[in-house]
């Protein structure tokens, strides 16, 4: 009985610790949601500080208001313009990187060609190399191509990365070689083997790659500041910082809107993402 009671206490403590961790992670999101439905005066009052007045941290609005969303959607179209800029930048990156990674990972995993392992070792070096190391060479190449101050200056460097290749290669290693050899004996082409045998078995890896790539580039900041000078072409991730002190209420509403696409993408691929195995 004592052992059973001790095990139960340990389980309760584990669940309590997990709940506390989840609450800590959710607190910023809940705080942003709460502020997005507060009135402008309440938000300003909450963040106004002085030696006699401290910031007023609270999660329940004194007065519920959707004025912030009305301003973001209808009265200030520049925020929706920044939102569409984010989509125009992120979606092509996800599509291109996913397709390139599928073909490259398949070649490195299931095809035999000279210097295959040496080439993949170069991919590993590129993977562990910090992104800021390649910013200057990328800037010089983009400048020579005449793509500065265009969305392609953001899409091309981010679409061709080693991360997706290395990730999908780990998934494709578990696709049985016997199934591929049997398909070759039956006369299946390399593309047919890829699309009919390999891809259906690595859907979880592809979903994980799409989600991680989307989130990484959805929050793009440094590349935008370096490659783009026209502020009208900024994505929402960068544009919000320019308005944070002038109208915090609208910024909170835009922050909630900013969370929706990654959340929808995760929910759409959640089944494959949870069942994925490396």
Foldseek 3Di string as FASTA:
>chain_A
DVVVVVVVVVVVVVVVVVVVVVCVVCVVVLQLVQLLQEDQVVVCQQPDDDPVRDRNDDRHHPDGHNVLVCCQVPVDCLLVLLAVLLVVLQVLLLVLLLVVLLVLLCCLAQNDDPCSVVVVVVLVVQVPDDPVVCLVVLLVVCVVVVNFQHSVSRRVVSNDHSVSNVQVNVQQNPQDNVVVVVCVVVPDDPVCCSVPRRCVSQVLSSLVSSLVSSVVSSLDDPSCVVRHDPPSSHHNNHVLVVCCVPRVNSSSVSVVVSPPVSVVSCVVCVVSNVPGDD
